[in-house]
């Protein structure tokens, strides 16, 4: 996982380490450590450093699930198990997912 500016400086060496099969571009951490946000041209250049080093080393390139359509990304981090269970329950139950009544009077009534 490459998540800091120091990691970016060493991305090629990290990606070449024997036994490493994939490199994860830590999108949120890179944003926090660089001060750039996703979509900024400078942020995208940082991600390209991870991309290029990983592909050059012949390893799998990983990132957040939101990047599933980005070129060369082949493994992803999605939500946790609880979020997956909730999405599955919502999909299975459809309109019946949240049928709890809404209070019309009292402190919890919509205002």
C-alpha atoms as a PDB file:
ATOM      1  CA  UNK A   1       0.000   0.000   0.000  1.00  0.00           C
ATOM      2  CA  UNK A   2       1.441   3.325  -1.019  1.00  0.00           C
ATOM      3  CA  UNK A   3      -0.063   6.056   1.125  1.00  0.00           C
ATOM      4  CA  UNK A   4       2.578   8.738   1.745  1.00  0.00           C
ATOM      5  CA  UNK A   5       4.824  11.049  -0.251  1.00  0.00           C
ATOM      6  CA  UNK A   6       7.780   8.960   0.917  1.00  0.00           C
ATOM      7  CA  UNK A   7       6.041   5.895  -0.466  1.00  0.00           C
ATOM      8  CA  UNK A   8       5.627   7.671  -3.796  1.00  0.00           C
ATOM      9  CA  UNK A   9       9.355   8.414  -3.908  1.00  0.00           C
ATOM     10  CA  UNK A  10      10.000   4.699  -3.450  1.00  0.00           C
ATOM     11  CA  UNK A  11       7.099   3.342  -5.495  1.00  0.00           C
ATOM     12  CA  UNK A  12       9.252   1.563  -8.077  1.00  0.00           C
ATOM     13  CA  UNK A  13      11.379  -0.135  -5.419  1.00  0.00           C
ATOM     14  CA  UNK A  14       8.305  -1.114  -3.391  1.00  0.00           C
ATOM     15  CA  UNK A  15       6.587  -2.601  -6.441  1.00  0.00           C
ATOM     16  CA  UNK A  16       9.681  -4.668  -7.320  1.00  0.00           C
ATOM     17  CA  UNK A  17       9.943  -6.397  -3.920  1.00  0.00           C
ATOM     18  CA  UNK A  18       9.842 -10.192  -4.430  1.00  0.00           C
ATOM     19  CA  UNK A  19       6.684 -11.738  -3.034  1.00  0.00           C
ATOM     20  CA  UNK A  20       4.557  -8.637  -3.489  1.00  0.00           C
ATOM     21  CA  UNK A  21       1.814  -9.508  -5.946  1.00  0.00           C
ATOM     22  CA  UNK A  22      -0.213  -6.284  -5.824  1.00  0.00           C
ATOM     23  CA  UNK A  23       0.207  -2.617  -4.960  1.00  0.00           C
ATOM     24  CA  UNK A  24      -2.646  -0.572  -3.515  1.00  0.00           C
ATOM     25  CA  UNK A  25      -2.913   3.137  -4.295  1.00  0.00           C
ATOM     26  CA  UNK A  26      -4.197   4.421  -0.954  1.00  0.00           C
ATOM     27  CA  UNK A  27      -6.428   7.140  -2.352  1.00  0.00           C
ATOM     28  CA  UNK A  28      -7.586   8.774   0.878  1.00  0.00           C
ATOM     29  CA  UNK A  29      -4.202   8.648   2.579  1.00  0.00           C
ATOM     30  CA  UNK A  30      -2.405  10.051  -0.466  1.00  0.00           C
ATOM     31  CA  UNK A  31      -4.907  12.891  -0.463  1.00  0.00           C
ATOM     32  CA  UNK A  32      -4.369  13.542   3.245  1.00  0.00           C
ATOM     33  CA  UNK A  33      -0.583  13.445   3.040  1.00  0.00           C
ATOM     34  CA  UNK A  34      -0.342  15.498  -0.153  1.00  0.00           C
ATOM     35  CA  UNK A  35      -3.057  18.063   0.479  1.00  0.00           C
ATOM     36  CA  UNK A  36      -4.660  17.334  -2.912  1.00  0.00           C
ATOM     37  CA  UNK A  37      -8.117  15.920  -3.397  1.00  0.00           C
ATOM     38  CA  UNK A  38      -9.277  13.273  -5.840  1.00  0.00           C
ATOM     39  CA  UNK A  39      -9.750  14.808  -9.253  1.00  0.00           C
ATOM     40  CA  UNK A  40      -7.119  17.535  -8.812  1.00  0.00           C
ATOM     41  CA  UNK A  41      -4.513  17.283 -11.600  1.00  0.00           C
ATOM     42  CA  UNK A  42      -1.710  17.057  -9.003  1.00  0.00           C
ATOM     43  CA  UNK A  43      -3.558  14.288  -7.152  1.00  0.00           C
ATOM     44  CA  UNK A  44      -3.978  12.346 -10.389  1.00  0.00           C
ATOM     45  CA  UNK A  45      -0.245  12.692 -11.048  1.00  0.00           C
ATOM     46  CA  UNK A  46       0.418  11.065  -7.670  1.00  0.00           C
ATOM     47  CA  UNK A  47      -1.863   8.159  -8.556  1.00  0.00           C
ATOM     48  CA  UNK A  48      -0.084   7.856 -11.914  1.00  0.00           C
ATOM     49  CA  UNK A  49       3.216   7.356 -10.064  1.00  0.00           C
ATOM     50  CA  UNK A  50       1.729   4.334  -8.280  1.00  0.00           C
ATOM     51  CA  UNK A  51       0.113   3.144 -11.501  1.00  0.00           C
ATOM     52  CA  UNK A  52       3.271   3.347 -13.578  1.00  0.00           C
ATOM     53  CA  UNK A  53       5.522   1.736 -10.958  1.00  0.00           C
ATOM     54  CA  UNK A  54       3.075  -1.128 -10.433  1.00  0.00           C
ATOM     55  CA  UNK A  55       2.489  -1.869 -14.102  1.00  0.00           C
ATOM     56  CA  UNK A  56       6.228  -1.628 -14.830  1.00  0.00           C
ATOM     57  CA  UNK A  57       6.859  -4.224 -12.105  1.00  0.00           C
ATOM     58  CA  UNK A  58       4.179  -6.516 -13.549  1.00  0.00           C
ATOM     59  CA  UNK A  59       2.055  -6.479 -10.398  1.00  0.00           C
ATOM     60  CA  UNK A  60      -1.692  -6.062  -9.872  1.00  0.00           C
ATOM     61  CA  UNK A  61      -2.815  -2.482  -9.357  1.00  0.00           C
ATOM     62  CA  UNK A  62      -5.399  -1.980  -6.609  1.00  0.00           C
ATOM     63  CA  UNK A  63      -7.486   0.934  -5.417  1.00  0.00           C
ATOM     64  CA  UNK A  64     -10.889   1.907  -4.053  1.00  0.00           C
ATOM     65  CA  UNK A  65     -13.936   0.266  -5.620  1.00  0.00           C
ATOM     66  CA  UNK A  66     -14.930   3.637  -7.094  1.00  0.00           C
ATOM     67  CA  UNK A  67     -11.979   3.198  -9.474  1.00  0.00           C
ATOM     68  CA  UNK A  68     -13.281  -0.048 -10.980  1.00  0.00           C
ATOM     69  CA  UNK A  69     -13.451   1.613 -14.396  1.00  0.00           C
ATOM     70  CA  UNK A  70      -9.951   3.134 -14.308  1.00  0.00           C
ATOM     71  CA  UNK A  71      -7.442   1.609 -16.695  1.00  0.00           C
ATOM     72  CA  UNK A  72      -5.277  -1.204 -15.306  1.00  0.00           C
ATOM     73  CA  UNK A  73      -6.887  -1.359 -11.832  1.00  0.00           C
ATOM     74  CA  UNK A  74      -7.777  -5.005 -11.220  1.00  0.00           C
ATOM     75  CA  UNK A  75      -8.420  -5.349  -7.477  1.00  0.00           C
ATOM     76  CA  UNK A  76     -10.428  -3.124  -5.176  1.00  0.00           C
ATOM     77  CA  UNK A  77     -11.311  -2.221  -1.635  1.00  0.00           C
ATOM     78  CA  UNK A  78     -15.038  -2.040  -1.029  1.00  0.00           C
ATOM     79  CA  UNK A  79     -17.122  -1.415   2.081  1.00  0.00           C
ATOM     80  CA  UNK A  80     -16.985  -3.616   5.146  1.00  0.00           C
ATOM     81  CA  UNK A  81     -19.065  -6.756   5.756  1.00  0.00           C
ATOM     82  CA  UNK A  82     -21.839  -4.876   7.544  1.00  0.00           C
ATOM     83  CA  UNK A  83     -22.261  -2.523   4.581  1.00  0.00           C
ATOM     84  CA  UNK A  84     -22.334  -5.487   2.173  1.00  0.00           C
ATOM     85  CA  UNK A  85     -24.973  -7.261   4.264  1.00  0.00           C
ATOM     86  CA  UNK A  86     -27.097  -4.089   4.395  1.00  0.00           C
ATOM     87  CA  UNK A  87     -26.843  -3.638   0.607  1.00  0.00           C
ATOM     88  CA  UNK A  88     -27.799  -7.275   0.081  1.00  0.00           C
ATOM     89  CA  UNK A  89     -30.780  -7.034   2.424  1.00  0.00           C
ATOM     90  CA  UNK A  90     -31.916  -3.818   0.735  1.00  0.00           C
ATOM     91  CA  UNK A  91     -31.635  -5.425  -2.718  1.00  0.00           C
ATOM     92  CA  UNK A  92     -33.471  -8.578  -1.645  1.00  0.00           C
ATOM     93  CA  UNK A  93     -36.289  -6.837   0.196  1.00  0.00           C
ATOM     94  CA  UNK A  94     -36.842  -3.995  -2.258  1.00  0.00           C
ATOM     95  CA  UNK A  95     -39.707  -1.761  -1.150  1.00  0.00           C
ATOM     96  CA  UNK A  96     -40.123  -3.758   2.055  1.00  0.00           C
ATOM     97  CA  UNK A  97     -36.634  -2.876   3.311  1.00  0.00           C
ATOM     98  CA  UNK A  98     -37.756  -0.022   5.555  1.00  0.00           C
ATOM     99  CA  UNK A  99     -41.438  -0.247   6.383  1.00  0.00           C
ATOM    100  CA  UNK A 100     -41.236   1.080   9.917  1.00  0.00           C
ATOM    101  CA  UNK A 101     -43.913   3.676  10.535  1.00  0.00           C
ATOM    102  CA  UNK A 102     -42.967   7.291  10.963  1.00  0.00           C
ATOM    103  CA  UNK A 103     -44.267   9.120  14.049  1.00  0.00           C
ATOM    104  CA  UNK A 104     -46.761  11.834  13.249  1.00  0.00           C
ATOM    105  CA  UNK A 105     -46.813  13.409  16.723  1.00  0.00           C
ATOM    106  CA  UNK A 106     -44.339  13.764  19.556  1.00  0.00           C
ATOM    107  CA  UNK A 107     -40.637  14.613  19.723  1.00  0.00           C
ATOM    108  CA  UNK A 108     -39.645  12.288  16.834  1.00  0.00           C
ATOM    109  CA  UNK A 109     -42.274  13.524  14.393  1.00  0.00           C
ATOM    110  CA  UNK A 110     -41.037  15.253  11.246  1.00  0.00           C
ATOM    111  CA  UNK A 111     -41.291  19.007  11.597  1.00  0.00           C
END
